Amino acid sequence: TDADFTGGRAVRKPGFTQPEDVWVPAQWDVHPGRSTRPPTEPPTLPPTPAVRYPAIITEITDPLDSPYGIPPRFVKIKTLGSPLQENLQLVVYENGPVWNTAIPISGLTPTNGDLFICNYVAAATTMSGSCNTISPSTNRITNEPGCYNLAIVRGDQSTFTPYYDVVDIFGINGVACSGTQSDFSGGYARRLPNFVTPRKVWLFSEWQVVKGDPDPLILYITEIADPADGMANRFVELYSPNRMDYDITPEDNIILVRYTGSNSDPDPVPFLNLQGFRINQYGFLVLCVSDACYGGKCDYVLGVNSIANNPGNVDVALMRGPYPDGDNEIIDIYGVPGQATLPSQDFSGGRAIRRSDAISPNNVCVADNWFVIPGGTFGGQTLLCTDMDPGCWSGVGDCQVRQPPTSAPVAYAPSKGKNYSPTNGSKGKGNKRVRRVRRNSL
């Protein structure tokens, strides 16, 4: 019968993980031994002993725009650093290998442990000289727009019974990737550092998946404040010209980091993943150490051990996440990583404010884009928290003049809501615009 595996083996196909009280032949690969096969049938491959597989998928790209007409796409594979000796294939995987997409990767010589499978546009432009093999234009791998599930398999398609074993996989087997956690359409999927174990079942937690957006979130730094009256009054002000009342998504993939001293890499802590944070009705996201002085001007109060608490001699940047890394793409930055803070850059006791005509992010700091007020550090004007205007930039935002704080404790301030107390900064239902959220900076 179809269930006869005498002298061989029966292997459940990947993706069929539910118990069945009736046997379903389509869920199984049955490999009978030689004694049950006609003489003309090819032999069954012997069982392969457990080995450490030599390759994993680490990156898949699908750029949204391209000056070349067809986007330059590639797949990156990490190896042990020598030509692969096993019979390994890269395939589109849909409840099993799609064999007409198979690209042999055995015998290819990696560079620094990496193999690149490219489409012809990438091979001729952005990846020139780096591609190990070029995918034919009829192959879905690197040529099909949008996302697809990929796998490295050991084995190939025989004339009788395809034999294969999944070495590593990207995507949810049996599920089309569009609209799922593995959807990298118009963007990329990149394996996170240190996750080098091959997976027969895909784990989203080990990947950074960024889907492209024809109208992506624009976000940049408009002010960093270090008032002279204490670190509790420090804040960072971010602004988006194209998003209001907007919750930042995983696909936006933005973190806020800082660089100290002459470091060319961002500090590992503190940093802030902005996923889930809400840009307010004016387009601002104001992150404060405390709201004791600013009250409703702060969108989030993060505390002293947070990225809101920046002295005036550090560099502050927005970059792609999910964790600080020197190889991450910088979106916008104040300061120059890799060199000590210059006197003209130091805003200790004062603030750095973006010029009103600097209306796009810069991945390299442009000094002319900023007004720097050092706050007395070099003999200039001393600035206090009452001189600051968080949530207001170039006349945009909540720019109403705040009343100076009252020296004596006040139990209630009706204009801020019935449960507002200036002594502790708490807010009740009377102030719904600002959410006060304490978050761990990690």
Protein backbone atom coordinates (compact mmCIF):
# COMPACT_ATOMS: atom_id res chain seq x y z
CA THR A 1 0.00 0.00 0.00
CA ASP A 2 0.96 3.64 0.04
CA ALA A 3 1.95 3.19 3.69
CA ASP A 4 4.52 0.44 3.03
CA PHE A 5 7.97 1.57 4.19
CA THR A 6 9.46 -1.92 4.53
CA GLY A 7 13.23 -1.67 4.47
CA GLY A 8 13.09 2.14 4.34
CA ARG A 9 11.32 4.90 6.24
CA ALA A 10 8.23 7.11 6.41
CA VAL A 11 8.81 10.83 7.03
CA ARG A 12 6.07 13.33 7.84
CA LYS A 13 6.28 16.36 5.54
CA PRO A 14 7.21 19.75 7.02
CA GLY A 15 4.25 21.89 8.02
CA PHE A 16 1.92 19.02 8.96
CA THR A 17 2.08 19.24 12.75
CA GLN A 18 -1.49 18.38 13.76
CA PRO A 19 -2.31 14.86 15.03
CA GLU A 20 -4.65 12.92 12.74
CA ASP A 21 -6.91 10.02 13.78
CA VAL A 22 -7.04 8.93 10.11
CA TRP A 23 -3.83 8.55 8.11
CA VAL A 24 -3.48 11.14 5.32
CA PRO A 25 -1.06 9.92 2.60
CA ALA A 26 -0.49 13.46 1.30
CA GLN A 27 1.15 14.40 4.60
CA TRP A 28 3.86 11.75 4.33
CA ASP A 29 6.91 10.89 2.24
CA VAL A 30 7.18 7.09 2.19
CA HIS A 31 10.53 5.62 1.14
CA PRO A 32 10.39 1.81 0.88
CA GLY A 33 13.61 -0.17 0.82
CA ARG A 34 15.17 -1.88 -2.18
CA SER A 35 13.22 -5.10 -1.66
CA THR A 36 9.90 -3.44 -2.53
CA ARG A 37 11.08 -1.39 -5.52
CA PRO A 38 11.13 -2.52 -9.16
CA PRO A 39 14.72 -3.02 -10.41
CA THR A 40 14.44 0.02 -12.65
CA GLU A 41 13.73 2.42 -9.76
CA PRO A 42 16.61 4.53 -8.40
CA PRO A 43 17.87 3.60 -4.94
CA THR A 44 16.74 5.45 -1.87
CA LEU A 45 19.35 7.77 -0.41
CA PRO A 46 20.62 6.44 2.90
CA PRO A 47 19.63 8.23 6.09
CA THR A 48 21.98 11.11 6.77
CA PRO A 49 23.62 11.23 10.18
CA ALA A 50 23.12 14.31 12.34
CA VAL A 51 25.59 16.99 11.29
CA ARG A 52 26.04 20.69 11.80
CA TYR A 53 24.67 22.17 8.61
CA PRO A 54 27.03 24.60 6.90
CA ALA A 55 24.66 27.35 5.69
CA ILE A 56 21.86 29.68 6.86
CA ILE A 57 19.85 32.40 5.11
CA THR A 58 20.74 35.80 6.58
CA GLU A 59 19.19 38.43 4.28
CA ILE A 60 16.59 38.77 1.49
CA THR A 61 15.99 42.08 -0.27
CA ASP A 62 13.20 43.57 -2.36
CA PRO A 63 13.90 47.32 -2.81
CA LEU A 64 10.87 49.43 -3.52
CA ASP A 65 12.49 51.95 -5.88
CA SER A 66 15.37 51.69 -8.29
CA PRO A 67 17.07 54.03 -10.77
CA TYR A 68 17.71 50.96 -12.92
CA GLY A 69 14.05 50.16 -13.62
CA ILE A 70 14.20 46.68 -12.07
CA PRO A 71 15.21 46.76 -8.39
CA PRO A 72 18.57 45.15 -7.54
CA ARG A 73 17.63 42.16 -5.37
CA PHE A 74 19.81 39.57 -3.64
CA VAL A 75 19.76 36.74 -1.10
CA LYS A 76 22.64 36.47 1.37
CA ILE A 77 23.70 33.12 2.83
CA LYS A 78 26.16 32.64 5.70
CA THR A 79 28.47 29.63 5.48
CA LEU A 80 31.31 28.19 7.54
CA GLY A 81 33.75 29.91 5.23
CA SER A 82 34.73 27.17 2.77
CA PRO A 83 33.06 25.79 -0.39
CA LEU A 84 30.02 23.75 0.56
CA GLN A 85 30.48 20.03 0.06
CA GLU A 86 26.91 18.88 0.64
CA ASN A 87 24.24 18.78 -2.06
CA LEU A 88 22.55 22.05 -1.01
CA GLN A 89 19.94 23.98 -2.95
CA LEU A 90 18.27 27.35 -2.37
CA VAL A 91 14.58 27.03 -3.26
CA VAL A 92 11.25 28.78 -2.97
CA TYR A 93 9.38 26.72 -0.39
CA GLU A 94 5.61 26.17 -0.55
CA ASN A 95 4.66 23.04 1.44
CA GLY A 96 7.87 21.63 -0.01
CA PRO A 97 10.56 22.77 -2.43
CA VAL A 98 9.47 24.40 -5.67
CA TRP A 99 12.12 22.52 -7.62
CA ASN A 100 12.10 24.68 -10.73
CA THR A 101 13.46 27.51 -8.56
CA ALA A 102 16.36 25.45 -7.16
CA ILE A 103 19.74 27.20 -7.24
CA PRO A 104 22.69 24.94 -6.32
CA ILE A 105 24.94 26.57 -3.74
CA SER A 106 27.35 23.69 -3.13
CA GLY A 107 30.80 24.31 -4.54
CA LEU A 108 30.45 28.11 -4.45
CA THR A 109 33.33 29.90 -2.74
CA PRO A 110 32.16 32.35 -0.06
CA THR A 111 33.80 35.69 0.67
CA ASN A 112 34.26 36.23 4.41
CA GLY A 113 31.81 33.38 4.92
CA ASP A 114 29.05 34.94 2.80
CA LEU A 115 27.43 33.86 -0.46
CA PHE A 116 25.29 36.22 -2.57
CA ILE A 117 22.65 35.08 -5.06
CA CYS A 118 21.68 38.13 -7.15
CA ASN A 119 19.45 39.14 -10.01
CA TYR A 120 21.26 40.50 -13.02
CA VAL A 121 20.59 44.14 -12.06
CA ALA A 122 22.23 43.73 -8.65
CA ALA A 123 25.15 41.88 -10.21
CA ALA A 124 25.72 44.76 -12.63
CA THR A 125 25.20 47.63 -10.18
CA THR A 126 24.97 47.68 -6.39
CA MET A 127 26.47 44.21 -5.84
CA SER A 128 28.99 44.28 -8.69
CA GLY A 129 31.87 41.92 -7.93
CA SER A 130 30.16 40.40 -4.87
CA CYS A 131 27.65 37.98 -6.43
CA ASN A 132 28.53 34.29 -6.42
CA THR A 133 25.78 33.36 -8.87
CA ILE A 134 23.11 35.16 -10.87
CA SER A 135 19.55 33.90 -10.77
CA PRO A 136 18.03 33.43 -14.27
CA SER A 137 15.38 36.04 -15.01
CA THR A 138 12.72 33.28 -15.12
CA ASN A 139 13.53 32.19 -11.55
CA ARG A 140 11.33 33.64 -8.82
CA ILE A 141 14.30 33.98 -6.46
CA THR A 142 15.55 37.62 -6.61
CA ASN A 143 13.31 38.31 -9.64
CA GLU A 144 9.78 38.17 -8.27
CA PRO A 145 8.54 41.43 -6.71
CA GLY A 146 7.20 41.06 -3.20
CA CYS A 147 7.89 38.33 -0.69
CA TYR A 148 8.16 34.55 -0.84
CA ASN A 149 9.23 31.76 1.49
CA LEU A 150 12.76 30.44 1.01
CA ALA A 151 14.65 27.40 2.23
CA ILE A 152 18.02 25.77 1.97
CA VAL A 153 17.47 22.05 1.41
CA ARG A 154 19.85 19.14 1.16
CA GLY A 155 19.03 16.81 -1.75
CA ASP A 156 17.43 17.29 -5.14
CA GLN A 157 14.54 16.19 -7.32
CA SER A 158 14.95 12.64 -8.60
CA THR A 159 12.97 11.01 -11.38
CA PHE A 160 11.06 8.83 -8.93
CA THR A 161 10.82 10.17 -5.40
CA PRO A 162 12.17 13.61 -4.47
CA TYR A 163 14.38 13.27 -1.43
CA TYR A 164 15.27 16.35 0.56
CA ASP A 165 15.85 17.61 4.06
CA VAL A 166 15.24 21.20 5.15
CA VAL A 167 18.44 22.78 6.44
CA ASP A 168 17.18 26.33 7.08
CA ILE A 169 13.96 28.15 6.26
CA PHE A 170 12.58 31.68 6.04
CA GLY A 171 8.81 32.16 6.26
CA ILE A 172 5.82 30.26 7.61
CA ASN A 173 5.52 26.96 5.80
CA GLY A 174 2.19 26.48 4.07
CA VAL A 175 1.21 30.17 4.42
CA ALA A 176 1.65 32.81 1.73
CA CYS A 177 3.92 35.48 3.18
CA SER A 178 1.93 38.52 2.03
CA GLY A 179 0.50 40.31 5.06
CA THR A 180 2.25 38.04 7.58
CA GLN A 181 5.23 38.63 9.87
CA SER A 182 7.51 37.42 7.07
CA ASP A 183 6.27 39.98 4.51
CA PHE A 184 9.34 41.92 3.30
CA SER A 185 7.65 43.30 0.16
CA GLY A 186 9.37 46.49 -0.92
CA GLY A 187 11.91 46.14 1.90
CA TYR A 188 14.09 43.43 3.35
CA ALA A 189 14.35 40.59 5.83
CA ARG A 190 17.57 40.39 7.85
CA ARG A 191 18.57 37.76 10.40
CA LEU A 192 19.53 39.34 13.71
CA PRO A 193 23.16 39.07 14.82
CA ASN A 194 24.12 36.02 16.93
CA PHE A 195 21.20 33.90 15.64
CA VAL A 196 23.22 31.40 13.62
CA THR A 197 21.39 28.15 14.37
CA PRO A 198 19.70 26.67 11.26
CA ARG A 199 15.92 26.45 11.66
CA LYS A 200 13.56 23.91 10.13
CA VAL A 201 10.70 26.05 11.50
CA TRP A 202 10.99 29.82 11.05
CA LEU A 203 11.21 32.02 14.18
CA PHE A 204 10.11 35.63 13.70
CA SER A 205 11.97 36.68 16.87
CA GLU A 206 15.27 35.96 15.14
CA TRP A 207 14.60 38.27 12.20
CA GLN A 208 14.21 41.95 11.41
CA VAL A 209 11.56 42.20 8.69
CA VAL A 210 10.92 45.60 7.15
CA LYS A 211 8.16 46.06 4.62
CA GLY A 212 8.48 48.95 2.18
CA ASP A 213 6.05 51.84 2.19
CA PRO A 214 5.48 54.10 -0.80
CA ASP A 215 4.85 56.89 1.72
CA PRO A 216 7.22 56.03 4.58
CA LEU A 217 7.24 57.76 7.93
CA ILE A 218 9.48 60.85 7.93
CA LEU A 219 10.89 61.60 11.38
CA TYR A 220 13.76 63.80 12.50
CA ILE A 221 15.17 65.52 15.59
CA THR A 222 14.11 69.13 16.10
CA GLU A 223 15.42 69.87 19.60
CA ILE A 224 17.63 68.41 22.31
CA ALA A 225 17.52 70.25 25.62
CA ASP A 226 19.87 70.27 28.63
CA PRO A 227 18.62 73.18 30.78
CA ALA A 228 20.93 74.53 33.46
CA ASP A 229 18.44 73.83 36.26
CA GLY A 230 18.88 70.07 36.34
CA MET A 231 18.90 66.84 34.37
CA ALA A 232 15.26 66.25 35.29
CA ASN A 233 14.37 68.94 32.76
CA ARG A 234 16.17 67.38 29.79
CA PHE A 235 14.15 66.26 26.78
CA VAL A 236 14.36 65.21 23.12
CA GLU A 237 11.85 66.55 20.62
CA LEU A 238 11.12 64.62 17.39
CA TYR A 239 8.91 65.80 14.54
CA SER A 240 7.16 64.16 11.60
CA PRO A 241 5.87 66.32 8.74
CA ASN A 242 3.73 63.48 7.30
CA ARG A 243 2.26 61.69 10.34
CA MET A 244 -0.09 63.08 13.02
CA ASP A 245 -1.92 61.02 15.66
CA TYR A 246 0.14 58.07 14.50
CA ASP A 247 1.39 54.99 16.34
CA ILE A 248 4.88 54.06 15.16
CA THR A 249 4.85 50.50 13.79
CA PRO A 250 7.37 47.63 13.67
CA GLU A 251 7.65 48.27 9.93
CA ASP A 252 8.83 51.85 10.61
CA ASN A 253 11.74 50.24 12.47
CA ILE A 254 13.16 53.32 14.22
CA ILE A 255 15.22 53.57 17.40
CA LEU A 256 16.65 56.58 19.24
CA VAL A 257 20.30 56.24 20.29
CA ARG A 258 23.23 58.30 21.44
CA TYR A 259 27.02 58.31 21.04
CA THR A 260 29.34 59.36 23.88
CA GLY A 261 32.94 60.52 23.76
CA SER A 262 34.72 59.64 20.54
CA ASN A 263 32.77 56.43 19.97
CA SER A 264 31.97 55.62 16.36
CA ASP A 265 29.32 53.09 17.45
CA PRO A 266 26.14 54.01 19.35
CA ASP A 267 26.01 53.26 23.07
CA PRO A 268 24.29 49.92 23.80
CA VAL A 269 22.29 51.67 26.55
CA PRO A 270 20.28 53.74 26.91
CA PHE A 271 18.31 53.56 23.69
CA LEU A 272 14.62 53.56 22.82
CA ASN A 273 12.74 51.46 20.29
CA LEU A 274 9.98 53.79 19.13
CA GLN A 275 7.59 51.00 18.16
CA GLY A 276 4.20 51.68 19.76
CA PHE A 277 4.97 55.30 20.66
CA ARG A 278 2.39 57.78 19.41
CA ILE A 279 3.17 60.92 17.43
CA ASN A 280 0.80 63.60 18.68
CA GLN A 281 -1.80 65.66 16.82
CA TYR A 282 0.81 68.23 15.76
CA GLY A 283 3.36 65.70 14.48
CA PHE A 284 5.62 65.81 17.55
CA LEU A 285 6.95 63.14 19.86
CA VAL A 286 8.38 64.78 22.99
CA LEU A 287 10.36 62.48 25.28
CA CYS A 288 11.09 63.95 28.72
CA VAL A 289 13.01 62.88 31.79
CA SER A 290 10.32 64.51 33.95
CA ASP A 291 7.26 66.66 33.30
CA ALA A 292 7.52 68.61 36.57
CA CYS A 293 8.40 71.78 34.65
CA TYR A 294 6.70 71.06 31.31
CA GLY A 295 3.44 69.43 32.31
CA GLY A 296 1.29 68.61 29.28
CA LYS A 297 4.09 69.51 26.85
CA CYS A 298 5.66 66.06 27.34
CA ASP A 299 4.20 63.14 25.38
CA TYR A 300 6.15 60.55 27.37
CA VAL A 301 8.03 60.69 30.66
CA LEU A 302 10.88 58.19 30.57
CA GLY A 303 12.91 58.86 33.71
CA VAL A 304 16.59 59.55 34.45
CA ASN A 305 17.91 56.24 33.09
CA SER A 306 16.52 56.86 29.62
CA ILE A 307 17.50 58.24 26.25
CA ALA A 308 15.68 61.48 27.16
CA ASN A 309 18.45 62.24 29.68
CA ASN A 310 21.20 63.56 27.40
CA PRO A 311 23.96 65.90 28.58
CA GLY A 312 24.97 68.55 26.07
CA ASN A 313 28.18 66.84 24.99
CA VAL A 314 26.76 63.73 23.27
CA ASP A 315 25.58 62.87 19.76
CA VAL A 316 21.93 61.85 19.35
CA ALA A 317 20.56 59.92 16.37
CA LEU A 318 17.56 58.16 14.89
CA MET A 319 18.49 54.91 13.16
CA ARG A 320 17.01 51.65 11.95
CA GLY A 321 16.71 49.04 14.69
CA PRO A 322 15.87 47.02 16.51
CA TYR A 323 19.09 47.40 18.56
CA PRO A 324 21.98 49.91 18.47
CA ASP A 325 24.69 48.83 16.05
CA GLY A 326 27.38 50.67 14.12
CA ASP A 327 26.21 49.04 10.89
CA ASN A 328 22.61 50.26 11.23
CA GLU A 329 21.28 52.83 8.80
CA ILE A 330 21.30 56.34 10.33
CA ILE A 331 18.12 58.28 9.57
CA ASP A 332 18.88 61.60 11.26
CA ILE A 333 21.68 62.71 13.58
CA TYR A 334 22.93 65.58 15.70
CA GLY A 335 26.68 65.35 16.20
CA VAL A 336 29.61 63.58 14.57
CA PRO A 337 30.30 60.03 15.80
CA GLY A 338 33.95 59.06 16.09
CA GLN A 339 35.22 62.43 17.29
CA ALA A 340 35.10 64.37 20.55
CA THR A 341 32.34 66.97 20.93
CA LEU A 342 33.38 70.32 19.46
CA PRO A 343 32.74 73.54 21.44
CA SER A 344 30.42 74.70 18.67
CA GLN A 345 28.36 71.52 19.13
CA ASP A 346 28.18 71.44 22.94
CA PHE A 347 24.77 72.54 24.25
CA SER A 348 25.42 71.79 27.95
CA GLY A 349 23.17 73.97 30.07
CA GLY A 350 21.24 75.00 26.98
CA ARG A 351 19.80 73.39 23.87
CA ALA A 352 20.30 72.54 20.19
CA ILE A 353 17.44 73.57 17.89
CA ARG A 354 16.97 72.59 14.26
CA ARG A 355 16.68 75.49 11.84
CA SER A 356 13.21 75.98 10.41
CA ASP A 357 14.44 75.48 6.83
CA ALA A 358 16.12 72.12 7.61
CA ILE A 359 13.02 70.10 6.81
CA SER A 360 14.40 66.68 5.90
CA PRO A 361 16.37 64.04 7.82
CA ASN A 362 20.16 63.98 7.45
CA ASN A 363 22.21 60.83 8.00
CA VAL A 364 25.30 63.05 8.39
CA CYS A 365 25.16 66.02 10.73
CA VAL A 366 25.02 69.35 8.90
CA ALA A 367 26.21 72.11 11.24
CA ASP A 368 24.32 74.82 9.35
CA ASN A 369 21.05 73.03 10.14
CA TRP A 370 21.31 73.82 13.86
CA PHE A 371 21.23 76.69 16.30
CA VAL A 372 23.31 75.73 19.34
CA ILE A 373 22.80 77.65 22.60
CA PRO A 374 25.47 76.44 25.05
CA GLY A 375 23.69 77.85 28.10
CA GLY A 376 26.58 79.51 29.88
CA THR A 377 29.15 76.75 29.35
CA PHE A 378 31.24 79.12 27.22
CA GLY A 379 30.05 82.35 28.76
CA GLY A 380 26.73 82.48 26.98
CA GLN A 381 23.20 82.84 28.23
CA THR A 382 22.03 80.48 30.97
CA LEU A 383 18.82 78.71 30.00
CA LEU A 384 16.31 77.26 32.45
CA CYS A 385 13.45 74.88 31.80
CA THR A 386 11.06 77.85 31.71
CA ASP A 387 12.95 79.09 28.63
CA MET A 388 12.18 75.88 26.74
CA ASP A 389 9.24 75.16 24.45
CA PRO A 390 8.91 71.38 23.97
CA GLY A 391 6.32 70.42 21.37
CA CYS A 392 6.73 73.68 19.44
CA TRP A 393 9.11 74.24 16.52
CA SER A 394 9.09 77.14 14.09
CA GLY A 395 5.54 78.04 15.02
CA VAL A 396 4.25 74.49 14.56
CA GLY A 397 2.69 72.60 17.48
CA ASP A 398 1.47 73.59 20.92
CA CYS A 399 3.20 76.95 21.13
CA GLN A 400 1.17 78.57 23.90
CA VAL A 401 3.31 80.36 26.47
CA ARG A 402 3.49 78.37 29.69
CA GLN A 403 3.04 79.98 33.06
CA PRO A 404 6.12 79.80 35.30
CA PRO A 405 5.93 77.05 37.91
CA THR A 406 4.51 77.90 41.32
CA SER A 407 7.03 77.62 44.14
CA ALA A 408 4.47 76.43 46.67
CA PRO A 409 2.77 73.04 46.14
CA VAL A 410 -0.62 73.27 44.46
CA ALA A 411 -3.08 70.44 44.92
CA TYR A 412 -4.99 70.87 41.68
CA ALA A 413 -4.72 72.82 38.48
CA PRO A 414 -8.21 72.75 36.91
CA SER A 415 -7.00 73.80 33.47
CA LYS A 416 -4.97 70.60 33.28
CA GLY A 417 -7.67 68.20 34.39
CA LYS A 418 -9.18 67.40 37.72
CA ASN A 419 -6.49 64.90 38.74
CA TYR A 420 -3.44 66.91 37.71
CA SER A 421 -0.93 67.76 40.41
CA PRO A 422 2.17 69.85 39.56
CA THR A 423 4.06 68.27 42.44
CA ASN A 424 3.95 64.77 41.00
CA GLY A 425 3.08 65.36 37.36
CA SER A 426 0.24 62.84 37.36
CA LYS A 427 -2.60 63.29 34.94
CA GLY A 428 -6.15 62.07 35.09
CA LYS A 429 -8.97 61.96 32.62
CA GLY A 430 -8.98 65.73 32.35
CA ASN A 431 -5.90 65.66 30.10
CA LYS A 432 -6.39 63.09 27.35
CA ARG A 433 -4.03 64.46 24.71
CA VAL A 434 -0.86 63.39 26.47
CA ARG A 435 -0.25 59.87 27.66
CA ARG A 436 2.22 59.59 30.47
CA VAL A 437 4.03 56.33 30.00
CA ARG A 438 7.03 55.09 31.87
CA ARG A 439 9.00 52.67 29.79
CA ASN A 440 12.21 50.81 30.25
CA SER A 441 14.65 52.32 27.74
CA LEU A 442 15.47 48.83 26.55
